[in-house]
Amino acid sequence: MENLNLHDAAPRPLSSMQNQMPPGPPPVPQLPPQMFTTAAQLLDLTDKKLMVSLRDGRKLIGVLRSWDQFGNLVLQSTVERLFVQHLYADIERGLFLVRGENVLLLGEIDLDKDDYVPEPYELAPVERVFALKKAEDAERGRVEKRRQRTLAGYGFEGEHAGEAIL
């Protein structure tokens, strides 16, 4: 048997060594930034004008200044926009803190179309829109009470029927 000295062997090119190595796991594909579903996606919306729809039906328009990991938002120069029938009005709210769990929907406002108002809507005085909104909410409450009574007659419990609200 002949002793082989590793130092005597001629070096092989790197490409031939890579061909002999077993292949590793395929690279993990990276998701595009649009795919994030966490509060980190708000990074692109910072310092932009947003419309935020809340769970209670309110619509806020303001500039996103800050946010946290829970989706809590700080909006600057905020206005609350009320819609009723074919009228709308803006109520100045200033600096506004929105708890993340109350955000239903949010989106960036295209500044080129910011002043565009859809055809059936027209700006009205806040007092008039607020009075119409209050009357509409009262009517909605009466209809809901009637619906709950009808359902109770069929044996259905309404929301919070078994709870003591303090």
N, C-alpha and C. Protein backbone atom coordinates (compact mmCIF):
# COMPACT_ATOMS: atom_id res chain seq x y z
N MET A 1 0.83 -1.18 0.00
CA MET A 1 0.00 0.00 0.00
C MET A 1 0.87 1.24 0.00
N GLU A 2 0.42 2.12 -0.71
CA GLU A 2 1.17 3.35 -0.85
C GLU A 2 0.55 4.41 0.06
N ASN A 3 1.36 5.13 0.80
CA ASN A 3 0.88 6.21 1.66
C ASN A 3 0.66 7.45 0.81
N LEU A 4 -0.51 7.99 0.93
CA LEU A 4 -0.79 9.22 0.21
C LEU A 4 -0.65 10.40 1.14
N ASN A 5 0.00 11.38 0.71
CA ASN A 5 0.17 12.60 1.47
C ASN A 5 -0.81 13.62 0.89
N LEU A 6 -1.66 14.15 1.74
CA LEU A 6 -2.66 15.11 1.27
C LEU A 6 -2.03 16.37 0.71
N HIS A 7 -0.83 16.68 1.18
CA HIS A 7 -0.19 17.90 0.71
C HIS A 7 0.33 17.73 -0.71
N ASP A 8 0.52 16.49 -1.14
CA ASP A 8 1.03 16.24 -2.48
C ASP A 8 -0.06 16.36 -3.54
N ALA A 9 -1.33 16.26 -3.12
CA ALA A 9 -2.42 16.31 -4.09
C ALA A 9 -2.57 17.72 -4.63
N ALA A 10 -2.89 17.82 -5.88
CA ALA A 10 -3.08 19.13 -6.50
C ALA A 10 -4.41 19.70 -6.05
N PRO A 11 -4.46 20.99 -5.79
CA PRO A 11 -5.74 21.58 -5.36
C PRO A 11 -6.76 21.52 -6.48
N ARG A 12 -7.99 21.23 -6.11
CA ARG A 12 -9.07 21.18 -7.09
C ARG A 12 -9.79 22.52 -7.12
N PRO A 13 -10.33 22.87 -8.25
CA PRO A 13 -11.07 24.14 -8.31
C PRO A 13 -12.32 24.08 -7.42
N LEU A 14 -12.70 25.24 -6.91
CA LEU A 14 -13.84 25.34 -6.00
C LEU A 14 -15.13 24.88 -6.66
N SER A 15 -15.32 25.15 -7.93
CA SER A 15 -16.56 24.78 -8.60
C SER A 15 -16.73 23.27 -8.64
N SER A 16 -15.66 22.53 -8.79
CA SER A 16 -15.80 21.07 -8.79
C SER A 16 -16.11 20.55 -7.40
N MET A 17 -15.64 21.24 -6.36
CA MET A 17 -15.93 20.83 -4.99
C MET A 17 -17.41 21.09 -4.67
N GLN A 18 -17.96 22.20 -5.19
CA GLN A 18 -19.36 22.51 -4.92
C GLN A 18 -20.27 21.51 -5.59
N ASN A 19 -19.86 21.02 -6.76
CA ASN A 19 -20.68 20.04 -7.45
C ASN A 19 -20.75 18.73 -6.68
N GLN A 20 -19.74 18.43 -5.88
CA GLN A 20 -19.70 17.17 -5.15
C GLN A 20 -20.43 17.26 -3.81
N MET A 21 -20.67 18.48 -3.30
CA MET A 21 -21.34 18.64 -2.01
C MET A 21 -22.83 18.34 -2.15
N PRO A 22 -23.40 17.69 -1.14
CA PRO A 22 -24.84 17.43 -1.22
C PRO A 22 -25.60 18.76 -1.19
N PRO A 23 -26.68 18.85 -1.94
CA PRO A 23 -27.43 20.12 -1.96
C PRO A 23 -28.09 20.38 -0.60
N GLY A 24 -28.09 21.63 -0.19
CA GLY A 24 -28.71 22.03 1.08
C GLY A 24 -30.19 22.28 0.89
N PRO A 25 -30.86 22.70 1.94
CA PRO A 25 -32.30 23.00 1.81
C PRO A 25 -32.48 24.19 0.88
N PRO A 26 -33.58 24.22 0.18
CA PRO A 26 -33.81 25.35 -0.72
C PRO A 26 -33.97 26.64 0.09
N PRO A 27 -33.61 27.76 -0.51
CA PRO A 27 -33.75 29.03 0.23
C PRO A 27 -35.21 29.31 0.55
N VAL A 28 -35.42 29.92 1.71
CA VAL A 28 -36.77 30.25 2.14
C VAL A 28 -37.23 31.49 1.38
N PRO A 29 -38.36 31.40 0.68
CA PRO A 29 -38.82 32.59 -0.05
C PRO A 29 -39.26 33.68 0.92
N GLN A 30 -38.93 34.90 0.59
CA GLN A 30 -39.29 36.03 1.44
C GLN A 30 -40.60 36.64 0.96
N LEU A 31 -41.46 36.98 1.92
CA LEU A 31 -42.73 37.61 1.57
C LEU A 31 -42.52 39.09 1.27
N PRO A 32 -43.27 39.62 0.34
CA PRO A 32 -43.16 41.07 0.08
C PRO A 32 -43.70 41.85 1.28
N PRO A 33 -43.26 43.09 1.46
CA PRO A 33 -43.70 43.86 2.64
C PRO A 33 -45.20 44.03 2.73
N GLN A 34 -45.94 43.94 1.61
CA GLN A 34 -47.39 44.10 1.65
C GLN A 34 -48.08 42.95 2.38
N MET A 35 -47.39 41.85 2.62
CA MET A 35 -48.02 40.67 3.20
C MET A 35 -48.05 40.70 4.73
N PHE A 36 -47.42 41.68 5.36
CA PHE A 36 -47.44 41.72 6.81
C PHE A 36 -48.84 42.01 7.30
N THR A 37 -49.29 41.28 8.30
CA THR A 37 -50.62 41.51 8.85
C THR A 37 -50.51 42.04 10.28
N THR A 38 -49.35 42.46 10.68
CA THR A 38 -49.15 42.98 12.02
C THR A 38 -49.14 44.49 11.99
N ALA A 39 -48.96 45.07 13.15
CA ALA A 39 -48.90 46.52 13.24
C ALA A 39 -47.68 47.08 12.52
N ALA A 40 -46.69 46.23 12.20
CA ALA A 40 -45.50 46.71 11.52
C ALA A 40 -45.83 47.25 10.13
N GLN A 41 -46.93 46.84 9.55
CA GLN A 41 -47.31 47.35 8.23
C GLN A 41 -47.66 48.83 8.30
N LEU A 42 -47.96 49.33 9.49
CA LEU A 42 -48.29 50.74 9.64
C LEU A 42 -47.09 51.65 9.40
N LEU A 43 -45.90 51.07 9.35
CA LEU A 43 -44.69 51.86 9.13
C LEU A 43 -44.79 52.66 7.83
N ASP A 44 -45.32 52.05 6.77
CA ASP A 44 -45.46 52.74 5.49
C ASP A 44 -46.51 53.84 5.53
N LEU A 45 -47.44 53.77 6.49
CA LEU A 45 -48.52 54.75 6.56
C LEU A 45 -48.22 55.91 7.51
N THR A 46 -47.09 55.85 8.21
CA THR A 46 -46.73 56.91 9.15
C THR A 46 -46.55 58.23 8.40
N ASP A 47 -47.09 59.29 8.96
CA ASP A 47 -47.04 60.65 8.40
C ASP A 47 -47.88 60.79 7.13
N LYS A 48 -48.84 59.90 6.93
CA LYS A 48 -49.75 60.01 5.79
C LYS A 48 -51.17 60.22 6.30
N LYS A 49 -52.00 60.81 5.46
CA LYS A 49 -53.39 61.08 5.81
C LYS A 49 -54.20 59.80 5.64
N LEU A 50 -54.93 59.43 6.70
CA LEU A 50 -55.70 58.19 6.70
C LEU A 50 -57.16 58.44 7.01
N MET A 51 -57.99 57.52 6.57
CA MET A 51 -59.38 57.45 7.01
C MET A 51 -59.47 56.20 7.86
N VAL A 52 -59.98 56.34 9.07
CA VAL A 52 -60.10 55.21 9.99
C VAL A 52 -61.57 55.03 10.32
N SER A 53 -62.07 53.83 10.08
CA SER A 53 -63.45 53.50 10.42
C SER A 53 -63.42 52.71 11.72
N LEU A 54 -64.19 53.15 12.70
CA LEU A 54 -64.20 52.51 14.01
C LEU A 54 -65.37 51.54 14.15
N ARG A 55 -65.27 50.66 15.13
CA ARG A 55 -66.32 49.65 15.34
C ARG A 55 -67.66 50.27 15.65
N ASP A 56 -67.68 51.44 16.26
CA ASP A 56 -68.96 52.06 16.62
C ASP A 56 -69.56 52.87 15.45
N GLY A 57 -68.91 52.81 14.28
CA GLY A 57 -69.47 53.47 13.10
C GLY A 57 -68.88 54.83 12.80
N ARG A 58 -68.08 55.38 13.69
CA ARG A 58 -67.50 56.69 13.43
C ARG A 58 -66.41 56.60 12.36
N LYS A 59 -66.24 57.69 11.64
CA LYS A 59 -65.20 57.80 10.61
C LYS A 59 -64.28 58.95 10.99
N LEU A 60 -63.00 58.65 11.11
CA LEU A 60 -62.01 59.66 11.46
C LEU A 60 -61.05 59.86 10.29
N ILE A 61 -60.66 61.10 10.08
CA ILE A 61 -59.68 61.42 9.05
C ILE A 61 -58.59 62.23 9.72
N GLY A 62 -57.34 61.75 9.61
CA GLY A 62 -56.23 62.46 10.23
C GLY A 62 -54.90 61.91 9.76
N VAL A 63 -53.83 62.55 10.20
CA VAL A 63 -52.47 62.16 9.83
C VAL A 63 -51.93 61.23 10.90
N LEU A 64 -51.50 60.03 10.49
CA LEU A 64 -50.94 59.05 11.42
C LEU A 64 -49.57 59.51 11.87
N ARG A 65 -49.44 59.79 13.17
CA ARG A 65 -48.17 60.25 13.71
C ARG A 65 -47.43 59.16 14.46
N SER A 66 -48.16 58.26 15.11
CA SER A 66 -47.50 57.22 15.90
C SER A 66 -48.42 56.03 16.03
N TRP A 67 -47.84 54.87 16.37
CA TRP A 67 -48.59 53.63 16.56
C TRP A 67 -47.74 52.70 17.39
N ASP A 68 -48.34 51.66 17.92
CA ASP A 68 -47.57 50.68 18.69
C ASP A 68 -47.91 49.27 18.24
N GLN A 69 -47.35 48.27 18.95
CA GLN A 69 -47.51 46.87 18.54
C GLN A 69 -48.94 46.37 18.69
N PHE A 70 -49.80 47.10 19.39
CA PHE A 70 -51.19 46.69 19.57
C PHE A 70 -52.10 47.34 18.53
N GLY A 71 -51.55 48.14 17.66
CA GLY A 71 -52.36 48.82 16.65
C GLY A 71 -53.01 50.08 17.18
N ASN A 72 -52.62 50.54 18.38
CA ASN A 72 -53.12 51.83 18.87
C ASN A 72 -52.54 52.92 17.97
N LEU A 73 -53.37 53.89 17.62
CA LEU A 73 -52.97 54.93 16.67
C LEU A 73 -53.04 56.31 17.31
N VAL A 74 -52.12 57.17 16.93
CA VAL A 74 -52.18 58.60 17.29
C VAL A 74 -52.37 59.35 15.98
N LEU A 75 -53.52 60.02 15.85
CA LEU A 75 -53.85 60.80 14.66
C LEU A 75 -53.77 62.28 15.00
N GLN A 76 -53.15 63.05 14.12
CA GLN A 76 -53.03 64.49 14.30
C GLN A 76 -53.94 65.19 13.29
N SER A 77 -54.42 66.37 13.65
CA SER A 77 -55.31 67.16 12.79
C SER A 77 -56.53 66.33 12.39
N THR A 78 -57.10 65.65 13.35
CA THR A 78 -58.19 64.71 13.08
C THR A 78 -59.53 65.43 12.98
N VAL A 79 -60.33 64.97 12.02
CA VAL A 79 -61.72 65.40 11.93
C VAL A 79 -62.58 64.14 11.95
N GLU A 80 -63.74 64.25 12.59
CA GLU A 80 -64.72 63.17 12.56
C GLU A 80 -65.75 63.55 11.50
N ARG A 81 -65.95 62.67 10.55
CA ARG A 81 -66.88 62.96 9.46
C ARG A 81 -68.19 62.23 9.72
N LEU A 82 -69.28 63.01 9.80
CA LEU A 82 -70.62 62.46 10.01
C LEU A 82 -71.34 62.39 8.67
N PHE A 83 -71.97 61.25 8.41
CA PHE A 83 -72.78 61.08 7.20
C PHE A 83 -74.21 60.80 7.63
N VAL A 84 -75.15 61.48 7.00
CA VAL A 84 -76.56 61.19 7.23
C VAL A 84 -77.31 61.61 5.97
N GLN A 85 -78.16 60.71 5.51
CA GLN A 85 -78.89 60.91 4.25
C GLN A 85 -77.88 61.25 3.15
N HIS A 86 -78.00 62.41 2.52
CA HIS A 86 -77.03 62.80 1.49
C HIS A 86 -76.20 64.00 1.93
N LEU A 87 -76.04 64.13 3.24
CA LEU A 87 -75.28 65.24 3.80
C LEU A 87 -74.09 64.71 4.59
N TYR A 88 -73.09 65.56 4.74
CA TYR A 88 -71.97 65.22 5.62
C TYR A 88 -71.45 66.50 6.26
N ALA A 89 -70.77 66.31 7.39
CA ALA A 89 -70.15 67.43 8.09
C ALA A 89 -68.90 66.93 8.79
N ASP A 90 -67.93 67.82 8.96
CA ASP A 90 -66.69 67.48 9.64
C ASP A 90 -66.64 68.20 10.98
N ILE A 91 -66.30 67.45 12.01
CA ILE A 91 -66.13 68.00 13.36
C ILE A 91 -64.65 67.92 13.71
N GLU A 92 -64.05 69.06 14.02
CA GLU A 92 -62.63 69.09 14.37
C GLU A 92 -62.41 68.36 15.69
N ARG A 93 -61.45 67.42 15.71
CA ARG A 93 -61.13 66.66 16.92
C ARG A 93 -59.69 66.86 17.37
N GLY A 94 -58.81 67.37 16.50
CA GLY A 94 -57.42 67.63 16.88
C GLY A 94 -56.61 66.35 17.01
N LEU A 95 -55.81 66.26 18.09
CA LEU A 95 -55.00 65.08 18.36
C LEU A 95 -55.90 63.99 18.91
N PHE A 96 -55.84 62.80 18.34
CA PHE A 96 -56.80 61.75 18.67
C PHE A 96 -56.06 60.44 18.89
N LEU A 97 -56.32 59.77 20.00
CA LEU A 97 -55.75 58.46 20.29
C LEU A 97 -56.83 57.42 20.07
N VAL A 98 -56.55 56.43 19.21
CA VAL A 98 -57.51 55.38 18.89
C VAL A 98 -56.96 54.06 19.41
N ARG A 99 -57.73 53.38 20.24
CA ARG A 99 -57.32 52.06 20.71
C ARG A 99 -57.42 51.07 19.55
N GLY A 100 -56.39 50.26 19.38
CA GLY A 100 -56.28 49.37 18.23
C GLY A 100 -57.45 48.42 18.06
N GLU A 101 -58.03 47.93 19.15
CA GLU A 101 -59.12 46.96 19.04
C GLU A 101 -60.40 47.59 18.50
N ASN A 102 -60.46 48.91 18.45
CA ASN A 102 -61.64 49.60 17.93
C ASN A 102 -61.54 49.94 16.45
N VAL A 103 -60.37 49.67 15.84
CA VAL A 103 -60.19 49.97 14.42
C VAL A 103 -60.83 48.85 13.60
N LEU A 104 -61.77 49.23 12.77
CA LEU A 104 -62.43 48.27 11.88
C LEU A 104 -61.72 48.25 10.53
N LEU A 105 -61.37 49.43 10.05
CA LEU A 105 -60.78 49.55 8.72
C LEU A 105 -59.98 50.83 8.68
N LEU A 106 -58.85 50.80 7.97
CA LEU A 106 -58.13 52.06 7.75
C LEU A 106 -57.51 52.05 6.37
N GLY A 107 -57.36 53.22 5.81
CA GLY A 107 -56.78 53.32 4.49
C GLY A 107 -56.21 54.69 4.26
N GLU A 108 -55.23 54.73 3.36
CA GLU A 108 -54.59 56.00 3.03
C GLU A 108 -55.48 56.79 2.09
N ILE A 109 -55.51 58.09 2.29
CA ILE A 109 -56.30 58.99 1.45
C ILE A 109 -55.40 59.51 0.34
N ASP A 110 -55.85 59.38 -0.89
CA ASP A 110 -55.13 59.93 -2.04
C ASP A 110 -55.29 61.45 -2.00
N LEU A 111 -54.19 62.15 -1.80
CA LEU A 111 -54.26 63.60 -1.65
C LEU A 111 -54.72 64.30 -2.93
N ASP A 112 -54.55 63.65 -4.08
CA ASP A 112 -55.03 64.24 -5.33
C ASP A 112 -56.55 64.24 -5.40
N LYS A 113 -57.19 63.31 -4.68
CA LYS A 113 -58.65 63.20 -4.70
C LYS A 113 -59.27 63.60 -3.36
N ASP A 114 -58.49 64.21 -2.50
CA ASP A 114 -58.94 64.55 -1.15
C ASP A 114 -60.14 65.48 -1.15
N ASP A 115 -60.19 66.42 -2.06
CA ASP A 115 -61.27 67.41 -2.08
C ASP A 115 -62.49 66.93 -2.88
N TYR A 116 -62.39 65.78 -3.52
CA TYR A 116 -63.50 65.27 -4.33
C TYR A 116 -64.60 64.72 -3.42
N VAL A 117 -65.83 65.17 -3.66
CA VAL A 117 -66.99 64.71 -2.90
C VAL A 117 -67.89 63.94 -3.87
N PRO A 118 -68.25 62.68 -3.57
CA PRO A 118 -69.11 61.91 -4.47
C PRO A 118 -70.44 62.63 -4.70
N GLU A 119 -71.04 62.39 -5.85
CA GLU A 119 -72.21 63.12 -6.36
C GLU A 119 -73.38 63.29 -5.37
N PRO A 120 -73.88 62.26 -4.70
CA PRO A 120 -75.09 62.53 -3.91
C PRO A 120 -74.82 63.32 -2.62
N TYR A 121 -73.58 63.42 -2.19
CA TYR A 121 -73.28 64.07 -0.90
C TYR A 121 -72.97 65.54 -1.07
N GLU A 122 -73.36 66.31 -0.05
CA GLU A 122 -73.00 67.72 -0.02
C GLU A 122 -72.71 68.14 1.41
N LEU A 123 -71.80 69.09 1.54
CA LEU A 123 -71.40 69.60 2.84
C LEU A 123 -72.55 70.39 3.45
N ALA A 124 -72.80 70.17 4.74
CA ALA A 124 -73.87 70.87 5.45
C ALA A 124 -73.34 71.35 6.80
N PRO A 125 -74.03 72.27 7.44
CA PRO A 125 -73.61 72.73 8.77
C PRO A 125 -73.62 71.56 9.76
N VAL A 126 -72.67 71.58 10.67
CA VAL A 126 -72.52 70.51 11.65
C VAL A 126 -73.79 70.33 12.47
N GLU A 127 -74.42 71.43 12.89
CA GLU A 127 -75.61 71.35 13.74
C GLU A 127 -76.74 70.59 13.03
N ARG A 128 -76.93 70.88 11.76
CA ARG A 128 -78.00 70.22 11.00
C ARG A 128 -77.71 68.71 10.85
N VAL A 129 -76.49 68.37 10.47
CA VAL A 129 -76.13 66.96 10.28
C VAL A 129 -76.19 66.22 11.61
N PHE A 130 -75.73 66.87 12.68
CA PHE A 130 -75.76 66.22 14.00
C PHE A 130 -77.19 65.96 14.44
N ALA A 131 -78.09 66.91 14.23
CA ALA A 131 -79.50 66.71 14.61
C ALA A 131 -80.12 65.57 13.79
N LEU A 132 -79.86 65.53 12.49
CA LEU A 132 -80.38 64.45 11.66
C LEU A 132 -79.79 63.10 12.08
N LYS A 133 -78.52 63.09 12.43
CA LYS A 133 -77.86 61.85 12.86
C LYS A 133 -78.47 61.36 14.17
N LYS A 134 -78.73 62.28 15.09
CA LYS A 134 -79.32 61.92 16.38
C LYS A 134 -80.72 61.33 16.17
N ALA A 135 -81.50 61.93 15.29
CA ALA A 135 -82.85 61.41 15.00
C ALA A 135 -82.76 60.04 14.33
N GLU A 136 -81.81 59.87 13.41
CA GLU A 136 -81.63 58.58 12.74
C GLU A 136 -81.22 57.49 13.73
N ASP A 137 -80.32 57.83 14.66
CA ASP A 137 -79.89 56.86 15.68
C ASP A 137 -81.04 56.49 16.62
N ALA A 138 -81.88 57.47 16.97
CA ALA A 138 -83.03 57.20 17.84
C ALA A 138 -84.00 56.26 17.14
N GLU A 139 -84.26 56.49 15.85
CA GLU A 139 -85.14 55.61 15.08
C GLU A 139 -84.55 54.21 14.97
N ARG A 140 -83.26 54.12 14.76
CA ARG A 140 -82.60 52.82 14.69
C ARG A 140 -82.73 52.09 16.03
N GLY A 141 -82.63 52.82 17.14
CA GLY A 141 -82.80 52.23 18.47
C GLY A 141 -84.21 51.70 18.67
N ARG A 142 -85.22 52.45 18.22
CA ARG A 142 -86.61 51.98 18.34
C ARG A 142 -86.83 50.71 17.52
N VAL A 143 -86.29 50.68 16.31
CA VAL A 143 -86.44 49.48 15.46
C VAL A 143 -85.74 48.29 16.10
N GLU A 144 -84.58 48.52 16.68
CA GLU A 144 -83.84 47.43 17.34
C GLU A 144 -84.60 46.89 18.55
N LYS A 145 -85.21 47.79 19.35
CA LYS A 145 -86.00 47.34 20.50
C LYS A 145 -87.19 46.50 20.05
N ARG A 146 -87.85 46.94 19.00
CA ARG A 146 -88.99 46.18 18.45
C ARG A 146 -88.53 44.80 17.97
N ARG A 147 -87.39 44.76 17.32
CA ARG A 147 -86.84 43.49 16.83
C ARG A 147 -86.50 42.56 17.99
N GLN A 148 -85.91 43.11 19.05
CA GLN A 148 -85.57 42.30 20.22
C GLN A 148 -86.83 41.74 20.90
N ARG A 149 -87.89 42.55 20.99
CA ARG A 149 -89.14 42.07 21.58
C ARG A 149 -89.74 40.94 20.75
N THR A 150 -89.69 41.10 19.42
CA THR A 150 -90.22 40.06 18.54
C THR A 150 -89.43 38.77 18.71
N LEU A 151 -88.10 38.87 18.74
CA LEU A 151 -87.26 37.69 18.92
C LEU A 151 -87.48 37.05 20.29
N ALA A 152 -87.68 37.89 21.33
CA ALA A 152 -87.94 37.35 22.68
C ALA A 152 -89.26 36.58 22.69
N GLY A 153 -90.24 37.02 21.91
CA GLY A 153 -91.51 36.30 21.81
C GLY A 153 -91.33 34.91 21.22
N TYR A 154 -90.31 34.72 20.41
CA TYR A 154 -90.00 33.41 19.83
C TYR A 154 -89.02 32.61 20.67
N GLY A 155 -88.61 33.17 21.82
CA GLY A 155 -87.71 32.46 22.72
C GLY A 155 -86.23 32.78 22.56
N PHE A 156 -85.91 33.75 21.76
CA PHE A 156 -84.50 34.13 21.58
C PHE A 156 -84.14 35.21 22.58
N GLU A 157 -82.95 35.09 23.16
CA GLU A 157 -82.47 36.13 24.06
C GLU A 157 -81.71 37.18 23.26
N GLY A 158 -81.88 38.40 23.66
CA GLY A 158 -81.14 39.47 23.00
C GLY A 158 -79.72 39.54 23.52
N GLU A 159 -78.97 40.40 22.92
CA GLU A 159 -77.59 40.60 23.35
C GLU A 159 -77.57 41.14 24.77
N HIS A 160 -76.71 40.63 25.62
CA HIS A 160 -76.56 41.04 27.02
C HIS A 160 -77.79 40.73 27.86
N ALA A 161 -78.67 39.85 27.41
CA ALA A 161 -79.90 39.58 28.14
C ALA A 161 -79.63 38.86 29.46
N GLY A 162 -78.61 38.00 29.48
CA GLY A 162 -78.33 37.24 30.70
C GLY A 162 -77.26 37.86 31.57
N GLU A 163 -76.78 39.03 31.21
CA GLU A 163 -75.69 39.65 31.96
C GLU A 163 -76.22 40.82 32.78
N ALA A 164 -75.58 41.03 33.89
CA ALA A 164 -75.90 42.22 34.69
C ALA A 164 -74.90 43.29 34.32
N ILE A 165 -75.37 44.36 33.75
CA ILE A 165 -74.49 45.46 33.35
C ILE A 165 -74.47 46.47 34.46
N LEU A 166 -73.32 46.72 34.98
CA LEU A 166 -73.18 47.66 36.09
C LEU A 166 -72.69 48.99 35.64
